[in-house]
N, C-alpha and C. Protein backbone atom coordinates (compact mmCIF):
# COMPACT_ATOMS: atom_id res chain seq x y z
N MET A 1 46.55 52.19 -13.06
CA MET A 1 46.40 51.66 -11.72
C MET A 1 45.45 50.47 -11.72
N HIS A 2 44.43 50.51 -12.57
CA HIS A 2 43.46 49.41 -12.63
C HIS A 2 43.76 48.42 -13.75
N ARG A 3 44.81 48.65 -14.54
CA ARG A 3 45.10 47.76 -15.67
C ARG A 3 45.40 46.33 -15.24
N PRO A 4 46.12 46.05 -14.11
CA PRO A 4 46.38 44.65 -13.73
C PRO A 4 45.09 43.86 -13.43
N VAL A 5 44.04 44.54 -13.13
CA VAL A 5 42.79 43.86 -12.81
C VAL A 5 42.18 43.25 -14.07
N LEU A 6 42.31 43.89 -15.22
CA LEU A 6 41.69 43.39 -16.45
C LEU A 6 42.20 42.01 -16.85
N PRO A 7 43.51 41.75 -16.84
CA PRO A 7 43.95 40.39 -17.18
C PRO A 7 43.45 39.34 -16.20
N VAL A 8 43.35 39.70 -14.92
CA VAL A 8 42.85 38.76 -13.92
C VAL A 8 41.39 38.42 -14.19
N LEU A 9 40.58 39.44 -14.52
CA LEU A 9 39.18 39.21 -14.85
C LEU A 9 39.02 38.36 -16.10
N ALA A 10 39.87 38.65 -17.09
CA ALA A 10 39.82 37.86 -18.34
C ALA A 10 40.19 36.40 -18.06
N LEU A 11 41.19 36.18 -17.19
CA LEU A 11 41.59 34.81 -16.84
C LEU A 11 40.46 34.08 -16.11
N LEU A 12 39.81 34.78 -15.15
CA LEU A 12 38.70 34.17 -14.41
C LEU A 12 37.54 33.83 -15.33
N ALA A 13 37.24 34.73 -16.28
CA ALA A 13 36.15 34.47 -17.22
C ALA A 13 36.46 33.25 -18.09
N THR A 14 37.72 33.13 -18.53
CA THR A 14 38.13 31.99 -19.36
C THR A 14 38.02 30.69 -18.57
N ILE A 15 38.49 30.70 -17.32
CA ILE A 15 38.41 29.51 -16.48
C ILE A 15 36.96 29.10 -16.26
N THR A 16 36.09 30.08 -16.02
CA THR A 16 34.67 29.81 -15.79
C THR A 16 34.04 29.13 -17.00
N LEU A 17 34.44 29.53 -18.19
CA LEU A 17 33.88 28.94 -19.40
C LEU A 17 34.44 27.55 -19.69
N LEU A 18 35.68 27.30 -19.28
CA LEU A 18 36.32 26.04 -19.60
C LEU A 18 36.08 24.94 -18.57
N VAL A 19 35.90 25.32 -17.31
CA VAL A 19 35.71 24.32 -16.25
C VAL A 19 34.26 23.84 -16.29
N PRO A 20 34.04 22.53 -16.39
CA PRO A 20 32.65 22.03 -16.45
C PRO A 20 31.92 22.25 -15.13
N ILE A 21 30.65 22.59 -15.23
CA ILE A 21 29.81 22.76 -14.05
C ILE A 21 29.34 21.38 -13.62
N PRO A 22 29.49 21.03 -12.33
CA PRO A 22 29.06 19.69 -11.91
C PRO A 22 27.57 19.49 -12.14
N ALA A 23 27.23 18.30 -12.63
CA ALA A 23 25.83 17.98 -12.90
C ALA A 23 25.20 17.36 -11.66
N TYR A 24 24.09 17.93 -11.22
CA TYR A 24 23.37 17.39 -10.08
C TYR A 24 22.34 16.39 -10.57
N PRO A 25 22.21 15.26 -9.89
CA PRO A 25 21.25 14.26 -10.38
C PRO A 25 19.82 14.81 -10.36
N ALA A 26 19.09 14.48 -11.40
CA ALA A 26 17.68 14.92 -11.46
C ALA A 26 16.89 14.18 -10.38
N PRO A 27 15.91 14.85 -9.79
CA PRO A 27 15.10 14.16 -8.78
C PRO A 27 14.32 13.02 -9.41
N PRO A 28 14.04 11.96 -8.63
CA PRO A 28 13.28 10.85 -9.21
C PRO A 28 11.88 11.29 -9.62
N PRO A 29 11.27 10.60 -10.56
CA PRO A 29 9.91 10.96 -11.01
C PRO A 29 8.93 10.94 -9.84
N PRO A 30 7.91 11.83 -9.86
CA PRO A 30 7.01 11.96 -8.71
C PRO A 30 5.90 10.90 -8.64
N ASN A 31 5.59 10.25 -9.75
CA ASN A 31 4.49 9.28 -9.76
C ASN A 31 5.03 7.86 -9.63
N TYR A 32 4.19 6.95 -9.12
CA TYR A 32 4.61 5.56 -9.04
C TYR A 32 3.40 4.62 -9.10
N ALA A 33 3.68 3.41 -9.55
CA ALA A 33 2.71 2.31 -9.52
C ALA A 33 3.37 1.17 -8.77
N GLU A 34 2.57 0.42 -8.00
CA GLU A 34 3.14 -0.60 -7.13
C GLU A 34 2.22 -1.81 -7.05
N ALA A 35 2.82 -2.99 -7.10
CA ALA A 35 2.09 -4.25 -6.90
C ALA A 35 2.49 -4.81 -5.54
N LYS A 36 1.50 -5.25 -4.74
CA LYS A 36 1.74 -5.74 -3.40
C LYS A 36 1.10 -7.12 -3.24
N LEU A 37 1.89 -8.10 -2.81
CA LEU A 37 1.38 -9.47 -2.63
C LEU A 37 1.76 -9.96 -1.24
N GLY A 38 0.80 -10.60 -0.57
CA GLY A 38 1.07 -11.10 0.77
C GLY A 38 -0.13 -11.79 1.37
N GLY A 39 -0.34 -11.57 2.65
CA GLY A 39 -1.40 -12.26 3.36
C GLY A 39 -2.24 -11.36 4.22
N TYR A 40 -3.46 -11.82 4.49
CA TYR A 40 -4.39 -11.16 5.42
C TYR A 40 -4.52 -12.06 6.64
N PHE A 41 -4.41 -11.46 7.83
CA PHE A 41 -4.43 -12.20 9.08
C PHE A 41 -5.55 -11.67 9.96
N PRO A 42 -6.71 -12.36 10.02
CA PRO A 42 -7.84 -11.86 10.82
C PRO A 42 -7.50 -11.85 12.30
N MET A 43 -7.91 -10.76 12.99
CA MET A 43 -7.57 -10.62 14.41
C MET A 43 -8.75 -10.26 15.29
N ALA A 44 -9.89 -9.96 14.72
CA ALA A 44 -11.07 -9.64 15.53
C ALA A 44 -11.67 -10.90 16.12
N SER A 45 -12.35 -10.76 17.24
CA SER A 45 -12.95 -11.93 17.88
C SER A 45 -14.02 -12.58 17.01
N ASP A 46 -14.69 -11.80 16.14
CA ASP A 46 -15.72 -12.36 15.27
C ASP A 46 -15.15 -13.37 14.27
N VAL A 47 -13.89 -13.20 13.90
CA VAL A 47 -13.26 -14.11 12.94
C VAL A 47 -11.99 -14.72 13.54
N ASP A 48 -12.01 -14.90 14.85
CA ASP A 48 -10.84 -15.41 15.56
C ASP A 48 -10.44 -16.80 15.09
N SER A 49 -11.42 -17.61 14.70
CA SER A 49 -11.13 -18.98 14.27
C SER A 49 -10.96 -19.10 12.76
N PHE A 50 -11.00 -17.98 12.05
CA PHE A 50 -10.86 -18.01 10.60
C PHE A 50 -9.39 -18.13 10.21
N ASP A 51 -9.16 -18.65 8.99
CA ASP A 51 -7.80 -18.85 8.50
C ASP A 51 -7.23 -17.56 7.92
N SER A 52 -5.91 -17.49 7.90
CA SER A 52 -5.23 -16.44 7.15
C SER A 52 -5.48 -16.67 5.67
N GLY A 53 -5.49 -15.60 4.90
CA GLY A 53 -5.79 -15.74 3.48
C GLY A 53 -4.92 -14.85 2.62
N PHE A 54 -5.10 -14.98 1.33
CA PHE A 54 -4.34 -14.19 0.35
C PHE A 54 -4.72 -12.72 0.43
N ASN A 55 -3.74 -11.85 0.21
CA ASN A 55 -3.97 -10.42 0.09
C ASN A 55 -3.13 -9.88 -1.06
N GLY A 56 -3.75 -9.12 -1.95
CA GLY A 56 -3.04 -8.48 -3.05
C GLY A 56 -3.59 -7.10 -3.31
N GLU A 57 -2.75 -6.23 -3.86
CA GLU A 57 -3.18 -4.85 -4.08
C GLU A 57 -2.34 -4.22 -5.19
N VAL A 58 -2.97 -3.35 -5.96
CA VAL A 58 -2.28 -2.51 -6.93
C VAL A 58 -2.53 -1.07 -6.52
N THR A 59 -1.46 -0.27 -6.42
CA THR A 59 -1.61 1.11 -5.98
C THR A 59 -0.97 2.07 -6.98
N PHE A 60 -1.49 3.27 -6.99
CA PHE A 60 -0.92 4.37 -7.77
C PHE A 60 -0.74 5.54 -6.83
N GLY A 61 0.46 6.15 -6.84
CA GLY A 61 0.73 7.22 -5.90
C GLY A 61 1.47 8.37 -6.54
N ARG A 62 1.59 9.45 -5.75
CA ARG A 62 2.32 10.64 -6.20
C ARG A 62 2.96 11.31 -5.00
N TYR A 63 4.23 11.65 -5.13
CA TYR A 63 4.93 12.45 -4.12
C TYR A 63 4.48 13.90 -4.31
N ILE A 64 3.80 14.45 -3.33
CA ILE A 64 3.23 15.79 -3.48
C ILE A 64 4.09 16.87 -2.84
N ALA A 65 5.02 16.50 -1.98
CA ALA A 65 5.92 17.44 -1.31
C ALA A 65 7.04 16.61 -0.69
N PRO A 66 8.17 17.24 -0.36
CA PRO A 66 9.23 16.46 0.31
C PRO A 66 8.71 15.80 1.58
N GLY A 67 8.79 14.49 1.63
CA GLY A 67 8.35 13.75 2.81
C GLY A 67 6.89 13.35 2.81
N PHE A 68 6.14 13.64 1.74
CA PHE A 68 4.71 13.31 1.72
C PHE A 68 4.29 12.77 0.35
N ALA A 69 3.39 11.79 0.38
CA ALA A 69 2.82 11.24 -0.84
C ALA A 69 1.37 10.86 -0.58
N VAL A 70 0.60 10.76 -1.66
CA VAL A 70 -0.77 10.26 -1.58
C VAL A 70 -0.84 9.02 -2.46
N GLU A 71 -1.75 8.11 -2.10
CA GLU A 71 -1.79 6.81 -2.78
C GLU A 71 -3.22 6.29 -2.84
N GLY A 72 -3.61 5.81 -4.00
CA GLY A 72 -4.90 5.15 -4.16
C GLY A 72 -4.67 3.69 -4.51
N GLY A 73 -5.52 2.81 -4.01
CA GLY A 73 -5.29 1.39 -4.24
C GLY A 73 -6.56 0.61 -4.50
N LEU A 74 -6.41 -0.48 -5.24
CA LEU A 74 -7.48 -1.45 -5.47
C LEU A 74 -6.92 -2.82 -5.12
N GLY A 75 -7.61 -3.54 -4.24
CA GLY A 75 -7.04 -4.80 -3.75
C GLY A 75 -8.05 -5.92 -3.64
N TYR A 76 -7.59 -7.00 -3.01
CA TYR A 76 -8.43 -8.17 -2.77
C TYR A 76 -7.83 -8.96 -1.61
N PHE A 77 -8.68 -9.39 -0.66
CA PHE A 77 -8.23 -10.35 0.34
C PHE A 77 -9.40 -11.25 0.71
N GLU A 78 -9.06 -12.39 1.31
CA GLU A 78 -10.10 -13.35 1.66
C GLU A 78 -9.72 -14.10 2.92
N THR A 79 -10.74 -14.68 3.54
CA THR A 79 -10.54 -15.55 4.70
C THR A 79 -11.70 -16.52 4.77
N LYS A 80 -11.51 -17.65 5.43
CA LYS A 80 -12.61 -18.61 5.56
C LYS A 80 -12.52 -19.33 6.91
N GLY A 81 -13.67 -19.78 7.36
CA GLY A 81 -13.77 -20.51 8.61
C GLY A 81 -15.15 -21.11 8.75
N ASN A 82 -15.46 -21.60 9.92
CA ASN A 82 -16.76 -22.22 10.17
C ASN A 82 -17.69 -21.24 10.86
N THR A 83 -18.99 -21.42 10.65
CA THR A 83 -19.98 -20.65 11.37
C THR A 83 -19.96 -21.07 12.84
N PRO A 84 -20.53 -20.27 13.75
CA PRO A 84 -20.50 -20.64 15.18
C PRO A 84 -21.05 -22.03 15.48
N SER A 85 -22.03 -22.49 14.69
CA SER A 85 -22.57 -23.83 14.92
C SER A 85 -21.59 -24.92 14.50
N GLY A 86 -20.64 -24.58 13.64
CA GLY A 86 -19.69 -25.56 13.13
C GLY A 86 -20.26 -26.43 12.04
N LEU A 87 -21.49 -26.22 11.62
CA LEU A 87 -22.15 -27.08 10.63
C LEU A 87 -21.99 -26.54 9.20
N ALA A 88 -21.53 -25.29 9.07
CA ALA A 88 -21.41 -24.70 7.73
C ALA A 88 -20.07 -23.96 7.63
N GLU A 89 -19.61 -23.81 6.40
CA GLU A 89 -18.38 -23.07 6.13
C GLU A 89 -18.73 -21.68 5.64
N ARG A 90 -17.87 -20.74 6.01
CA ARG A 90 -18.09 -19.35 5.63
C ARG A 90 -16.82 -18.81 4.97
N LYS A 91 -16.97 -18.24 3.79
CA LYS A 91 -15.84 -17.65 3.08
C LYS A 91 -16.15 -16.18 2.80
N ILE A 92 -15.26 -15.32 3.22
CA ILE A 92 -15.45 -13.88 3.06
C ILE A 92 -14.40 -13.36 2.09
N LYS A 93 -14.87 -12.74 1.00
CA LYS A 93 -13.99 -12.15 -0.01
C LYS A 93 -14.20 -10.64 -0.01
N VAL A 94 -13.12 -9.89 0.02
CA VAL A 94 -13.21 -8.44 0.16
C VAL A 94 -12.40 -7.75 -0.94
N THR A 95 -13.02 -6.76 -1.59
CA THR A 95 -12.34 -5.94 -2.58
C THR A 95 -12.29 -4.50 -2.07
N PRO A 96 -11.15 -4.05 -1.57
CA PRO A 96 -11.06 -2.69 -1.05
C PRO A 96 -10.64 -1.67 -2.11
N LEU A 97 -11.22 -0.50 -2.01
CA LEU A 97 -10.83 0.66 -2.80
C LEU A 97 -10.40 1.71 -1.78
N THR A 98 -9.09 2.01 -1.72
CA THR A 98 -8.54 2.77 -0.60
C THR A 98 -7.85 4.05 -1.04
N PHE A 99 -7.71 4.96 -0.08
CA PHE A 99 -6.93 6.20 -0.25
C PHE A 99 -6.08 6.37 0.99
N SER A 100 -4.78 6.67 0.80
CA SER A 100 -3.86 6.80 1.92
C SER A 100 -2.99 8.04 1.77
N ILE A 101 -2.56 8.57 2.91
CA ILE A 101 -1.55 9.63 2.98
C ILE A 101 -0.31 9.03 3.62
N LEU A 102 0.86 9.26 3.01
CA LEU A 102 2.11 8.69 3.49
C LEU A 102 3.04 9.80 3.98
N GLY A 103 3.65 9.59 5.14
CA GLY A 103 4.73 10.43 5.62
C GLY A 103 6.03 9.65 5.44
N ILE A 104 7.00 10.23 4.72
CA ILE A 104 8.17 9.49 4.25
C ILE A 104 9.45 10.08 4.81
N ALA A 105 10.36 9.21 5.27
CA ALA A 105 11.69 9.62 5.74
C ALA A 105 12.72 8.93 4.87
N PRO A 106 13.43 9.68 3.98
CA PRO A 106 14.42 9.05 3.11
C PRO A 106 15.78 8.90 3.80
N PHE A 107 16.47 7.79 3.49
CA PHE A 107 17.82 7.52 3.97
C PHE A 107 18.63 6.99 2.79
N GLY A 108 19.11 7.90 1.94
CA GLY A 108 19.80 7.47 0.72
C GLY A 108 18.84 6.72 -0.18
N PRO A 109 19.20 5.49 -0.59
CA PRO A 109 18.28 4.74 -1.47
C PRO A 109 17.11 4.12 -0.72
N PHE A 110 17.11 4.22 0.62
CA PHE A 110 16.04 3.65 1.43
C PHE A 110 15.00 4.72 1.77
N GLU A 111 13.78 4.29 1.96
CA GLU A 111 12.70 5.14 2.47
C GLU A 111 11.93 4.35 3.53
N ALA A 112 11.68 5.00 4.65
CA ALA A 112 10.76 4.44 5.64
C ALA A 112 9.52 5.32 5.64
N TYR A 113 8.34 4.71 5.82
CA TYR A 113 7.14 5.54 5.78
C TYR A 113 6.08 5.00 6.73
N GLY A 114 5.24 5.91 7.16
CA GLY A 114 4.02 5.58 7.87
C GLY A 114 2.84 6.03 7.02
N MET A 115 1.72 5.36 7.17
CA MET A 115 0.57 5.70 6.34
C MET A 115 -0.72 5.63 7.15
N ALA A 116 -1.68 6.42 6.72
CA ALA A 116 -3.02 6.40 7.31
C ALA A 116 -4.01 6.60 6.17
N GLY A 117 -5.15 5.90 6.26
CA GLY A 117 -6.11 6.05 5.19
C GLY A 117 -7.45 5.44 5.49
N LEU A 118 -8.31 5.53 4.50
CA LEU A 118 -9.65 4.97 4.61
C LEU A 118 -10.02 4.35 3.28
N GLY A 119 -11.11 3.59 3.29
CA GLY A 119 -11.50 2.95 2.05
C GLY A 119 -12.94 2.47 2.09
N VAL A 120 -13.41 2.11 0.92
CA VAL A 120 -14.69 1.43 0.77
C VAL A 120 -14.37 -0.02 0.49
N TYR A 121 -14.96 -0.92 1.28
CA TYR A 121 -14.66 -2.35 1.19
C TYR A 121 -15.91 -3.09 0.71
N PHE A 122 -15.80 -3.70 -0.47
CA PHE A 122 -16.90 -4.45 -1.06
C PHE A 122 -16.77 -5.90 -0.62
N VAL A 123 -17.70 -6.35 0.20
CA VAL A 123 -17.61 -7.66 0.86
C VAL A 123 -18.60 -8.63 0.22
N ASN A 124 -18.12 -9.83 -0.09
CA ASN A 124 -18.97 -10.93 -0.54
C ASN A 124 -18.84 -12.06 0.47
N ASP A 125 -19.92 -12.40 1.14
CA ASP A 125 -19.93 -13.39 2.23
C ASP A 125 -20.69 -14.62 1.76
N GLU A 126 -20.01 -15.78 1.72
CA GLU A 126 -20.62 -17.01 1.22
C GLU A 126 -20.69 -18.04 2.34
N ILE A 127 -21.84 -18.70 2.47
CA ILE A 127 -22.02 -19.77 3.46
C ILE A 127 -22.46 -21.03 2.72
N SER A 128 -21.79 -22.13 3.00
CA SER A 128 -22.15 -23.42 2.40
C SER A 128 -22.09 -24.50 3.47
N ALA A 129 -22.77 -25.61 3.22
CA ALA A 129 -22.83 -26.71 4.18
C ALA A 129 -22.44 -28.02 3.50
N PRO A 130 -21.13 -28.19 3.21
CA PRO A 130 -20.70 -29.42 2.54
C PRO A 130 -20.92 -30.67 3.40
N ALA A 131 -21.00 -30.51 4.71
CA ALA A 131 -21.21 -31.67 5.59
C ALA A 131 -22.55 -32.33 5.30
N PHE A 132 -23.51 -31.55 4.77
CA PHE A 132 -24.83 -32.09 4.46
C PHE A 132 -24.98 -32.39 2.97
N GLY A 133 -23.85 -32.37 2.26
CA GLY A 133 -23.89 -32.69 0.83
C GLY A 133 -24.44 -31.58 -0.03
N ALA A 134 -24.48 -30.36 0.50
CA ALA A 134 -25.00 -29.24 -0.29
C ALA A 134 -23.98 -28.85 -1.36
N SER A 135 -24.42 -28.84 -2.61
CA SER A 135 -23.50 -28.49 -3.70
C SER A 135 -23.32 -26.99 -3.83
N SER A 136 -24.24 -26.23 -3.30
CA SER A 136 -24.12 -24.77 -3.36
C SER A 136 -24.67 -24.20 -2.06
N GLY A 137 -24.33 -22.95 -1.82
CA GLY A 137 -24.77 -22.31 -0.59
C GLY A 137 -25.50 -21.03 -0.88
N THR A 138 -25.40 -20.11 0.05
CA THR A 138 -26.03 -18.81 -0.09
C THR A 138 -24.99 -17.73 0.14
N SER A 139 -25.25 -16.56 -0.38
CA SER A 139 -24.29 -15.47 -0.22
C SER A 139 -25.01 -14.15 -0.01
N ASP A 140 -24.27 -13.20 0.55
CA ASP A 140 -24.77 -11.85 0.75
C ASP A 140 -23.60 -10.90 0.53
N SER A 141 -23.89 -9.67 0.22
CA SER A 141 -22.82 -8.70 -0.05
C SER A 141 -23.11 -7.39 0.65
N SER A 142 -22.05 -6.60 0.82
CA SER A 142 -22.17 -5.32 1.52
C SER A 142 -21.03 -4.41 1.09
N ALA A 143 -21.23 -3.12 1.18
CA ALA A 143 -20.17 -2.13 0.95
C ALA A 143 -20.02 -1.34 2.25
N ASP A 144 -18.81 -1.33 2.81
CA ASP A 144 -18.59 -0.76 4.14
C ASP A 144 -17.36 0.12 4.15
N LEU A 145 -17.35 1.10 5.06
CA LEU A 145 -16.19 1.97 5.23
C LEU A 145 -15.23 1.36 6.25
N GLY A 146 -13.94 1.49 5.99
CA GLY A 146 -12.93 0.99 6.91
C GLY A 146 -11.77 1.97 7.01
N LEU A 147 -10.97 1.83 8.06
CA LEU A 147 -9.79 2.66 8.29
C LEU A 147 -8.57 1.77 8.39
N HIS A 148 -7.39 2.33 8.04
CA HIS A 148 -6.16 1.56 8.19
C HIS A 148 -4.98 2.46 8.56
N LEU A 149 -4.03 1.87 9.28
CA LEU A 149 -2.74 2.49 9.58
C LEU A 149 -1.66 1.50 9.16
N GLY A 150 -0.50 2.01 8.74
CA GLY A 150 0.53 1.09 8.29
C GLY A 150 1.93 1.66 8.39
N LEU A 151 2.90 0.77 8.29
CA LEU A 151 4.32 1.10 8.25
C LEU A 151 4.95 0.33 7.10
N GLY A 152 5.96 0.91 6.48
CA GLY A 152 6.62 0.22 5.39
C GLY A 152 7.99 0.78 5.10
N GLY A 153 8.67 0.13 4.18
CA GLY A 153 9.98 0.57 3.73
C GLY A 153 10.18 0.24 2.28
N ARG A 154 11.01 1.05 1.61
CA ARG A 154 11.32 0.85 0.20
C ARG A 154 12.82 0.98 -0.02
N TYR A 155 13.31 0.20 -0.98
CA TYR A 155 14.70 0.33 -1.41
C TYR A 155 14.70 0.57 -2.91
N HIS A 156 15.30 1.70 -3.33
CA HIS A 156 15.33 2.05 -4.75
C HIS A 156 16.51 1.34 -5.41
N VAL A 157 16.18 0.33 -6.20
CA VAL A 157 17.19 -0.43 -6.93
C VAL A 157 17.80 0.43 -8.02
N THR A 158 16.96 1.18 -8.71
CA THR A 158 17.39 2.17 -9.70
C THR A 158 16.58 3.43 -9.44
N LYS A 159 16.77 4.41 -10.30
CA LYS A 159 16.01 5.66 -10.18
C LYS A 159 14.51 5.40 -10.32
N ASN A 160 14.14 4.37 -11.07
CA ASN A 160 12.73 4.12 -11.35
C ASN A 160 12.14 2.91 -10.63
N VAL A 161 12.96 1.92 -10.30
CA VAL A 161 12.45 0.65 -9.75
C VAL A 161 12.76 0.57 -8.26
N PHE A 162 11.77 0.13 -7.48
CA PHE A 162 11.99 -0.05 -6.04
C PHE A 162 11.31 -1.32 -5.55
N LEU A 163 11.85 -1.86 -4.45
CA LEU A 163 11.29 -3.01 -3.77
C LEU A 163 10.91 -2.59 -2.36
N GLY A 164 9.92 -3.27 -1.76
CA GLY A 164 9.51 -2.85 -0.43
C GLY A 164 8.78 -3.91 0.36
N LEU A 165 8.59 -3.61 1.63
CA LEU A 165 7.78 -4.41 2.55
C LEU A 165 6.80 -3.47 3.23
N GLU A 166 5.60 -3.99 3.55
CA GLU A 166 4.59 -3.14 4.17
C GLU A 166 3.68 -3.95 5.07
N GLY A 167 3.32 -3.36 6.20
CA GLY A 167 2.35 -3.95 7.10
C GLY A 167 1.26 -2.94 7.42
N LYS A 168 0.02 -3.37 7.37
CA LYS A 168 -1.11 -2.48 7.69
C LYS A 168 -2.05 -3.16 8.68
N TYR A 169 -2.72 -2.36 9.49
CA TYR A 169 -3.79 -2.87 10.34
C TYR A 169 -5.09 -2.23 9.91
N LEU A 170 -6.13 -3.05 9.77
CA LEU A 170 -7.41 -2.62 9.24
C LEU A 170 -8.50 -2.70 10.30
N TRP A 171 -9.33 -1.67 10.37
CA TRP A 171 -10.54 -1.68 11.19
C TRP A 171 -11.73 -1.67 10.25
N LEU A 172 -12.52 -2.75 10.27
CA LEU A 172 -13.63 -2.89 9.33
C LEU A 172 -14.74 -3.73 9.95
N THR A 173 -15.96 -3.23 9.87
CA THR A 173 -17.14 -4.00 10.27
C THR A 173 -18.08 -4.09 9.07
N THR A 174 -18.50 -5.32 8.76
CA THR A 174 -19.41 -5.53 7.64
C THR A 174 -20.74 -6.06 8.15
N SER A 175 -21.79 -5.81 7.40
CA SER A 175 -23.14 -6.30 7.77
C SER A 175 -23.67 -7.17 6.65
N THR A 176 -23.60 -8.48 6.87
CA THR A 176 -24.15 -9.44 5.91
C THR A 176 -25.04 -10.42 6.66
N PHE A 177 -26.05 -10.93 5.97
CA PHE A 177 -27.03 -11.84 6.56
C PHE A 177 -27.67 -11.24 7.82
N GLY A 178 -27.77 -9.90 7.86
CA GLY A 178 -28.40 -9.22 8.99
C GLY A 178 -27.57 -9.22 10.26
N VAL A 179 -26.29 -9.56 10.17
CA VAL A 179 -25.43 -9.63 11.35
C VAL A 179 -24.17 -8.81 11.10
N ASP A 180 -23.74 -8.03 12.10
CA ASP A 180 -22.48 -7.30 12.01
C ASP A 180 -21.32 -8.23 12.31
N THR A 181 -20.29 -8.18 11.46
CA THR A 181 -19.09 -9.00 11.65
C THR A 181 -17.87 -8.09 11.55
N ARG A 182 -17.05 -8.11 12.58
CA ARG A 182 -15.80 -7.33 12.54
C ARG A 182 -14.74 -8.13 11.80
N LEU A 183 -14.11 -7.47 10.82
CA LEU A 183 -13.05 -8.09 10.03
C LEU A 183 -11.69 -7.46 10.32
N ASP A 184 -11.54 -6.84 11.49
CA ASP A 184 -10.26 -6.23 11.84
C ASP A 184 -9.14 -7.23 11.66
N GLY A 185 -8.02 -6.78 11.12
CA GLY A 185 -6.91 -7.68 10.91
C GLY A 185 -5.71 -6.97 10.32
N ALA A 186 -4.66 -7.73 10.09
CA ALA A 186 -3.41 -7.18 9.56
C ALA A 186 -3.14 -7.74 8.17
N THR A 187 -2.50 -6.93 7.34
CA THR A 187 -2.00 -7.39 6.05
C THR A 187 -0.50 -7.16 6.03
N VAL A 188 0.21 -8.11 5.48
CA VAL A 188 1.67 -7.98 5.30
C VAL A 188 1.98 -8.32 3.85
N THR A 189 2.72 -7.44 3.17
CA THR A 189 2.98 -7.65 1.75
C THR A 189 4.45 -7.38 1.40
N ALA A 190 4.90 -8.05 0.34
CA ALA A 190 6.15 -7.72 -0.34
C ALA A 190 5.77 -6.97 -1.61
N ASN A 191 6.49 -5.88 -1.91
CA ASN A 191 6.05 -4.97 -2.95
C ASN A 191 7.14 -4.75 -4.01
N ILE A 192 6.70 -4.45 -5.22
CA ILE A 192 7.59 -3.99 -6.27
C ILE A 192 6.92 -2.82 -6.96
N GLY A 193 7.70 -1.77 -7.25
CA GLY A 193 7.11 -0.58 -7.81
C GLY A 193 7.97 0.06 -8.89
N TYR A 194 7.33 0.96 -9.63
CA TYR A 194 8.00 1.68 -10.72
C TYR A 194 7.60 3.15 -10.65
N ARG A 195 8.61 4.02 -10.66
CA ARG A 195 8.35 5.47 -10.65
C ARG A 195 8.39 6.03 -12.04
N PHE A 196 7.49 6.96 -12.32
CA PHE A 196 7.42 7.54 -13.66
C PHE A 196 6.96 8.99 -13.60
């Protein structure tokens, strides 16, 4: 009564062994390194008359859970303008060391993300008076805490390589020459990264 079942089971077992199991793509590597190049745009009233300047950053990150990543960065940005008297030039160079948390929404090869973070900003403030023929000026430095929020997007060209755009807004106050100066502003960068 049960004999017809045995050939059916043997046939199913044979088919199972002969039919290839579909291969699912391996998830992309969780770590990444990224280079970001763009500009810094001062927006606080203290530096309202200052020029836009270069902004660059190198970051290292890790996807810690679906939809979340952490990122550390080392960067540089600068701006310059005149002192309130208009008789001297002021150049501010900033080296930020930052930490960010990213919330990520994937759409196929695209990713959109929001980020929030904080950092230590090493500021070098230089004042010179070329109008008076001064060949050198004076400088002061400070290390200050700052906060940032940002939005960005990435497109994965391959499993390992991605391109992106990012915009951040920075809240930062520095104290040089005994005066507080707000350096709040925006950074906009084009990015290239590698996952490993």
